[in-house]
Amino acid sequence: MSASKGLIDFGALEKELRGSLQFEEKYYRENAAKLRAVNQKVGSYDEFRSLVLASHLKPLERHDMQRAPRKQPWNPVTIGNRTHHTVSTWYKCVTTSPWKQAGGRPST
């Protein structure tokens, strides 16, 4: 507040309020994480600390993963013309394997 004019600086007041709300939200979030960690009976202080430090993270939901672009296919070996080569190489390995020649898999 400006003492000379008696005016309220709403920008500074709003900034202070936002900071206080963020601090309070963090406090309650971390406190809840601490209580969960104690109830889980974590094995060490490092595990406890990790749970508290990760309290701001939220799990991914199904639609979050569906919208994400795929950066790598499930099996990069089978892309394009390499598919036929890979399958024929696999077949060649299977048909000429020592187990096949010996009459089956060895007993374990």
N, C-alpha and C. Protein backbone atom coordinates (compact mmCIF):
# COMPACT_ATOMS: atom_id res chain seq x y z
N MET A 1 0.83 -1.16 0.00
CA MET A 1 0.00 0.00 0.00
C MET A 1 0.88 1.23 0.00
N SER A 2 0.54 2.16 -0.78
CA SER A 2 1.27 3.42 -0.84
C SER A 2 0.79 4.32 0.30
N ALA A 3 1.71 4.69 1.20
CA ALA A 3 1.35 5.48 2.38
C ALA A 3 0.98 6.91 2.01
N SER A 4 1.60 7.45 0.97
CA SER A 4 1.35 8.85 0.62
C SER A 4 -0.02 9.07 -0.01
N LYS A 5 -0.49 8.13 -0.80
CA LYS A 5 -1.76 8.35 -1.50
C LYS A 5 -2.89 7.49 -0.94
N GLY A 6 -2.57 6.47 -0.15
CA GLY A 6 -3.60 5.59 0.38
C GLY A 6 -4.16 4.64 -0.67
N LEU A 7 -3.40 4.38 -1.75
CA LEU A 7 -3.86 3.48 -2.81
C LEU A 7 -3.31 2.08 -2.59
N ILE A 8 -4.06 1.09 -3.02
CA ILE A 8 -3.65 -0.31 -2.91
C ILE A 8 -3.05 -0.73 -4.25
N ASP A 9 -1.87 -1.35 -4.18
CA ASP A 9 -1.23 -1.88 -5.39
C ASP A 9 -1.77 -3.30 -5.61
N PHE A 10 -2.79 -3.41 -6.45
CA PHE A 10 -3.44 -4.70 -6.66
C PHE A 10 -2.53 -5.70 -7.37
N GLY A 11 -1.62 -5.24 -8.19
CA GLY A 11 -0.68 -6.15 -8.85
C GLY A 11 0.22 -6.85 -7.84
N ALA A 12 0.77 -6.08 -6.90
CA ALA A 12 1.62 -6.67 -5.87
C ALA A 12 0.81 -7.56 -4.94
N LEU A 13 -0.40 -7.15 -4.63
CA LEU A 13 -1.27 -7.94 -3.77
C LEU A 13 -1.61 -9.28 -4.42
N GLU A 14 -1.92 -9.25 -5.72
CA GLU A 14 -2.23 -10.48 -6.44
C GLU A 14 -1.01 -11.40 -6.51
N LYS A 15 0.16 -10.82 -6.74
CA LYS A 15 1.40 -11.61 -6.80
C LYS A 15 1.67 -12.28 -5.46
N GLU A 16 1.47 -11.56 -4.38
CA GLU A 16 1.67 -12.12 -3.04
C GLU A 16 0.66 -13.23 -2.76
N LEU A 17 -0.58 -13.02 -3.17
CA LEU A 17 -1.62 -14.03 -2.97
C LEU A 17 -1.30 -15.30 -3.75
N ARG A 18 -0.90 -15.15 -5.02
CA ARG A 18 -0.54 -16.33 -5.83
C ARG A 18 0.62 -17.10 -5.20
N GLY A 19 1.63 -16.38 -4.73
CA GLY A 19 2.76 -17.03 -4.07
C GLY A 19 2.34 -17.78 -2.82
N SER A 20 1.46 -17.18 -2.04
CA SER A 20 0.97 -17.83 -0.82
C SER A 20 0.16 -19.07 -1.15
N LEU A 21 -0.67 -18.99 -2.18
CA LEU A 21 -1.47 -20.15 -2.58
C LEU A 21 -0.59 -21.29 -3.09
N GLN A 22 0.44 -20.96 -3.86
CA GLN A 22 1.36 -21.99 -4.35
C GLN A 22 2.11 -22.64 -3.20
N PHE A 23 2.54 -21.84 -2.23
CA PHE A 23 3.25 -22.37 -1.07
C PHE A 23 2.34 -23.31 -0.28
N GLU A 24 1.09 -22.89 -0.07
CA GLU A 24 0.15 -23.71 0.68
C GLU A 24 -0.17 -25.01 -0.05
N GLU A 25 -0.35 -24.93 -1.36
CA GLU A 25 -0.61 -26.13 -2.16
C GLU A 25 0.55 -27.11 -2.07
N LYS A 26 1.77 -26.59 -2.17
CA LYS A 26 2.96 -27.44 -2.07
C LYS A 26 3.06 -28.07 -0.68
N TYR A 27 2.77 -27.30 0.34
CA TYR A 27 2.85 -27.80 1.71
C TYR A 27 1.90 -28.98 1.90
N TYR A 28 0.64 -28.82 1.52
CA TYR A 28 -0.34 -29.88 1.71
C TYR A 28 -0.06 -31.09 0.82
N ARG A 29 0.41 -30.87 -0.39
CA ARG A 29 0.76 -31.97 -1.30
C ARG A 29 1.90 -32.79 -0.72
N GLU A 30 2.96 -32.11 -0.25
CA GLU A 30 4.10 -32.83 0.31
C GLU A 30 3.74 -33.50 1.63
N ASN A 31 2.89 -32.87 2.42
CA ASN A 31 2.47 -33.48 3.68
C ASN A 31 1.68 -34.76 3.41
N ALA A 32 0.81 -34.73 2.42
CA ALA A 32 0.05 -35.94 2.06
C ALA A 32 1.00 -37.04 1.57
N ALA A 33 2.02 -36.66 0.82
CA ALA A 33 3.00 -37.64 0.33
C ALA A 33 3.78 -38.23 1.50
N LYS A 34 4.10 -37.43 2.48
CA LYS A 34 4.81 -37.92 3.66
C LYS A 34 3.95 -38.93 4.41
N LEU A 35 2.68 -38.62 4.59
CA LEU A 35 1.78 -39.54 5.28
C LEU A 35 1.62 -40.85 4.51
N ARG A 36 1.51 -40.76 3.18
CA ARG A 36 1.43 -41.99 2.37
C ARG A 36 2.71 -42.82 2.50
N ALA A 37 3.86 -42.15 2.50
CA ALA A 37 5.13 -42.86 2.60
C ALA A 37 5.25 -43.56 3.95
N VAL A 38 4.80 -42.91 5.01
CA VAL A 38 4.85 -43.53 6.34
C VAL A 38 3.91 -44.74 6.38
N ASN A 39 2.72 -44.61 5.79
CA ASN A 39 1.78 -45.74 5.77
C ASN A 39 2.29 -46.90 4.93
N GLN A 40 3.08 -46.61 3.90
CA GLN A 40 3.64 -47.66 3.05
C GLN A 40 4.83 -48.34 3.71
N LYS A 41 5.33 -47.76 4.79
CA LYS A 41 6.50 -48.29 5.50
C LYS A 41 7.68 -48.46 4.55
N VAL A 42 8.11 -47.35 3.95
CA VAL A 42 9.24 -47.39 3.03
C VAL A 42 10.49 -47.87 3.75
N GLY A 43 11.40 -48.47 3.00
CA GLY A 43 12.57 -49.09 3.58
C GLY A 43 13.68 -48.15 4.02
N SER A 44 13.79 -47.01 3.38
CA SER A 44 14.90 -46.12 3.71
C SER A 44 14.47 -44.66 3.58
N TYR A 45 15.31 -43.80 4.10
CA TYR A 45 15.04 -42.37 4.00
C TYR A 45 15.08 -41.92 2.54
N ASP A 46 15.96 -42.52 1.74
CA ASP A 46 16.04 -42.15 0.33
C ASP A 46 14.73 -42.42 -0.41
N GLU A 47 14.10 -43.57 -0.11
CA GLU A 47 12.80 -43.87 -0.72
C GLU A 47 11.75 -42.85 -0.27
N PHE A 48 11.78 -42.54 1.03
CA PHE A 48 10.84 -41.56 1.59
C PHE A 48 11.02 -40.21 0.90
N ARG A 49 12.26 -39.78 0.79
CA ARG A 49 12.57 -38.49 0.17
C ARG A 49 12.15 -38.47 -1.29
N SER A 50 12.38 -39.57 -2.00
CA SER A 50 11.99 -39.66 -3.41
C SER A 50 10.48 -39.53 -3.58
N LEU A 51 9.73 -40.18 -2.70
CA LEU A 51 8.27 -40.08 -2.78
C LEU A 51 7.80 -38.65 -2.54
N VAL A 52 8.42 -37.98 -1.58
CA VAL A 52 8.02 -36.60 -1.27
C VAL A 52 8.41 -35.67 -2.42
N LEU A 53 9.62 -35.84 -2.96
CA LEU A 53 10.07 -34.96 -4.04
C LEU A 53 9.27 -35.18 -5.33
N ALA A 54 8.72 -36.37 -5.50
CA ALA A 54 7.94 -36.67 -6.71
C ALA A 54 6.45 -36.43 -6.50
N SER A 55 6.09 -35.80 -5.41
CA SER A 55 4.66 -35.62 -5.10
C SER A 55 3.95 -34.71 -6.10
N HIS A 56 4.68 -33.89 -6.81
CA HIS A 56 4.06 -32.99 -7.79
C HIS A 56 3.74 -33.68 -9.11
N LEU A 57 4.26 -34.89 -9.31
CA LEU A 57 4.03 -35.62 -10.56
C LEU A 57 2.65 -36.26 -10.54
N LYS A 58 2.01 -36.30 -11.69
CA LYS A 58 0.70 -36.93 -11.81
C LYS A 58 0.81 -38.07 -12.80
N PRO A 59 0.11 -39.18 -12.55
CA PRO A 59 0.19 -40.31 -13.47
C PRO A 59 -0.43 -39.96 -14.82
N LEU A 60 0.10 -40.59 -15.86
CA LEU A 60 -0.46 -40.40 -17.20
C LEU A 60 -1.80 -41.10 -17.29
N GLU A 61 -2.69 -40.49 -18.01
CA GLU A 61 -3.97 -41.12 -18.27
C GLU A 61 -3.94 -41.76 -19.65
N ARG A 62 -4.91 -42.60 -19.91
CA ARG A 62 -4.92 -43.35 -21.17
C ARG A 62 -4.91 -42.42 -22.38
N HIS A 63 -5.70 -41.35 -22.35
CA HIS A 63 -5.76 -40.46 -23.51
C HIS A 63 -4.46 -39.68 -23.69
N ASP A 64 -3.67 -39.51 -22.63
CA ASP A 64 -2.38 -38.84 -22.77
C ASP A 64 -1.43 -39.67 -23.63
N MET A 65 -1.46 -40.97 -23.44
CA MET A 65 -0.56 -41.85 -24.18
C MET A 65 -1.04 -42.07 -25.61
N GLN A 66 -2.34 -42.02 -25.83
CA GLN A 66 -2.88 -42.25 -27.17
C GLN A 66 -2.60 -41.07 -28.09
N ARG A 67 -2.55 -39.87 -27.56
CA ARG A 67 -2.31 -38.69 -28.38
C ARG A 67 -0.82 -38.47 -28.67
N ALA A 68 0.04 -39.10 -27.93
CA ALA A 68 1.47 -38.88 -28.10
C ALA A 68 1.94 -39.51 -29.42
N PRO A 69 2.78 -38.80 -30.16
CA PRO A 69 3.29 -39.38 -31.41
C PRO A 69 4.28 -40.50 -31.12
N ARG A 70 4.23 -41.53 -31.94
CA ARG A 70 5.17 -42.65 -31.77
C ARG A 70 6.48 -42.27 -32.40
N LYS A 71 7.52 -42.30 -31.62
CA LYS A 71 8.83 -41.92 -32.12
C LYS A 71 9.58 -43.12 -32.69
N GLN A 72 9.27 -44.31 -32.19
CA GLN A 72 9.95 -45.50 -32.66
C GLN A 72 8.92 -46.62 -32.77
N PRO A 73 8.92 -47.34 -33.85
CA PRO A 73 7.98 -48.45 -33.97
C PRO A 73 8.34 -49.55 -32.98
N TRP A 74 7.40 -50.43 -32.76
CA TRP A 74 7.61 -51.50 -31.80
C TRP A 74 8.82 -52.36 -32.18
N ASN A 75 8.93 -52.70 -33.46
CA ASN A 75 10.03 -53.53 -33.92
C ASN A 75 10.67 -52.86 -35.13
N PRO A 76 11.73 -52.07 -34.93
CA PRO A 76 12.31 -51.33 -36.03
C PRO A 76 12.95 -52.20 -37.10
N VAL A 77 13.21 -53.47 -36.81
CA VAL A 77 13.85 -54.36 -37.78
C VAL A 77 12.90 -54.65 -38.93
N THR A 78 11.60 -54.62 -38.68
CA THR A 78 10.63 -55.03 -39.70
C THR A 78 10.16 -53.89 -40.59
N ILE A 79 10.82 -52.77 -40.59
CA ILE A 79 10.41 -51.63 -41.41
C ILE A 79 10.82 -51.85 -42.86
N GLY A 80 9.92 -51.52 -43.77
CA GLY A 80 10.22 -51.49 -45.20
C GLY A 80 10.59 -52.83 -45.79
N ASN A 81 11.59 -52.84 -46.67
CA ASN A 81 12.01 -54.04 -47.39
C ASN A 81 12.77 -55.01 -46.51
N ARG A 82 13.14 -54.59 -45.35
CA ARG A 82 13.92 -55.47 -44.48
C ARG A 82 13.07 -56.59 -43.91
N THR A 83 11.74 -56.48 -43.98
CA THR A 83 10.86 -57.48 -43.40
C THR A 83 11.09 -58.85 -44.04
N HIS A 84 11.08 -58.93 -45.35
CA HIS A 84 11.26 -60.20 -46.03
C HIS A 84 12.62 -60.80 -45.70
N HIS A 85 13.65 -60.00 -45.72
CA HIS A 85 15.00 -60.47 -45.41
C HIS A 85 15.06 -61.01 -43.99
N THR A 86 14.47 -60.32 -43.05
CA THR A 86 14.51 -60.73 -41.66
C THR A 86 13.78 -62.05 -41.47
N VAL A 87 12.60 -62.19 -42.05
CA VAL A 87 11.83 -63.42 -41.91
C VAL A 87 12.57 -64.58 -42.55
N SER A 88 13.14 -64.38 -43.74
CA SER A 88 13.84 -65.48 -44.40
C SER A 88 15.10 -65.85 -43.62
N THR A 89 15.78 -64.88 -43.03
CA THR A 89 16.96 -65.17 -42.22
C THR A 89 16.56 -65.97 -40.99
N TRP A 90 15.45 -65.59 -40.36
CA TRP A 90 14.98 -66.30 -39.18
C TRP A 90 14.62 -67.74 -39.55
N TYR A 91 13.92 -67.93 -40.67
CA TYR A 91 13.53 -69.26 -41.09
C TYR A 91 14.77 -70.12 -41.37
N LYS A 92 15.77 -69.51 -42.00
CA LYS A 92 17.00 -70.24 -42.30
C LYS A 92 17.68 -70.68 -41.00
N CYS A 93 17.70 -69.81 -40.00
CA CYS A 93 18.32 -70.14 -38.72
C CYS A 93 17.56 -71.26 -38.02
N VAL A 94 16.24 -71.21 -38.08
CA VAL A 94 15.43 -72.22 -37.41
C VAL A 94 15.60 -73.58 -38.07
N THR A 95 15.61 -73.62 -39.39
CA THR A 95 15.68 -74.90 -40.10
C THR A 95 17.07 -75.51 -40.07
N THR A 96 18.10 -74.70 -39.84
CA THR A 96 19.46 -75.24 -39.81
C THR A 96 20.05 -75.23 -38.40
N SER A 97 19.20 -75.09 -37.40
CA SER A 97 19.72 -75.02 -36.03
C SER A 97 20.22 -76.39 -35.58
N PRO A 98 21.15 -76.43 -34.63
CA PRO A 98 21.66 -77.71 -34.13
C PRO A 98 20.55 -78.54 -33.49
N TRP A 99 19.56 -77.90 -32.89
CA TRP A 99 18.47 -78.65 -32.27
C TRP A 99 17.65 -79.36 -33.33
N LYS A 100 17.40 -78.68 -34.43
CA LYS A 100 16.62 -79.27 -35.51
C LYS A 100 17.36 -80.48 -36.09
N GLN A 101 18.67 -80.34 -36.25
CA GLN A 101 19.46 -81.42 -36.82
C GLN A 101 19.59 -82.59 -35.85
N ALA A 102 19.54 -82.30 -34.54
CA ALA A 102 19.70 -83.35 -33.55
C ALA A 102 18.37 -84.01 -33.20
N GLY A 103 17.29 -83.55 -33.79
CA GLY A 103 16.01 -84.19 -33.55
C GLY A 103 15.16 -83.48 -32.51
N GLY A 104 15.44 -82.25 -32.22
CA GLY A 104 14.62 -81.51 -31.26
C GLY A 104 15.47 -80.76 -30.26
N ARG A 105 14.81 -80.13 -29.32
CA ARG A 105 15.52 -79.38 -28.29
C ARG A 105 16.17 -80.33 -27.29
N PRO A 106 17.31 -79.95 -26.77
CA PRO A 106 17.93 -80.78 -25.74
C PRO A 106 17.13 -80.70 -24.45
N SER A 107 17.15 -81.76 -23.67
CA SER A 107 16.43 -81.74 -22.39
C SER A 107 17.23 -80.94 -21.38
N THR A 108 16.50 -80.21 -20.54
CA THR A 108 17.18 -79.39 -19.53
C THR A 108 17.05 -79.95 -18.17
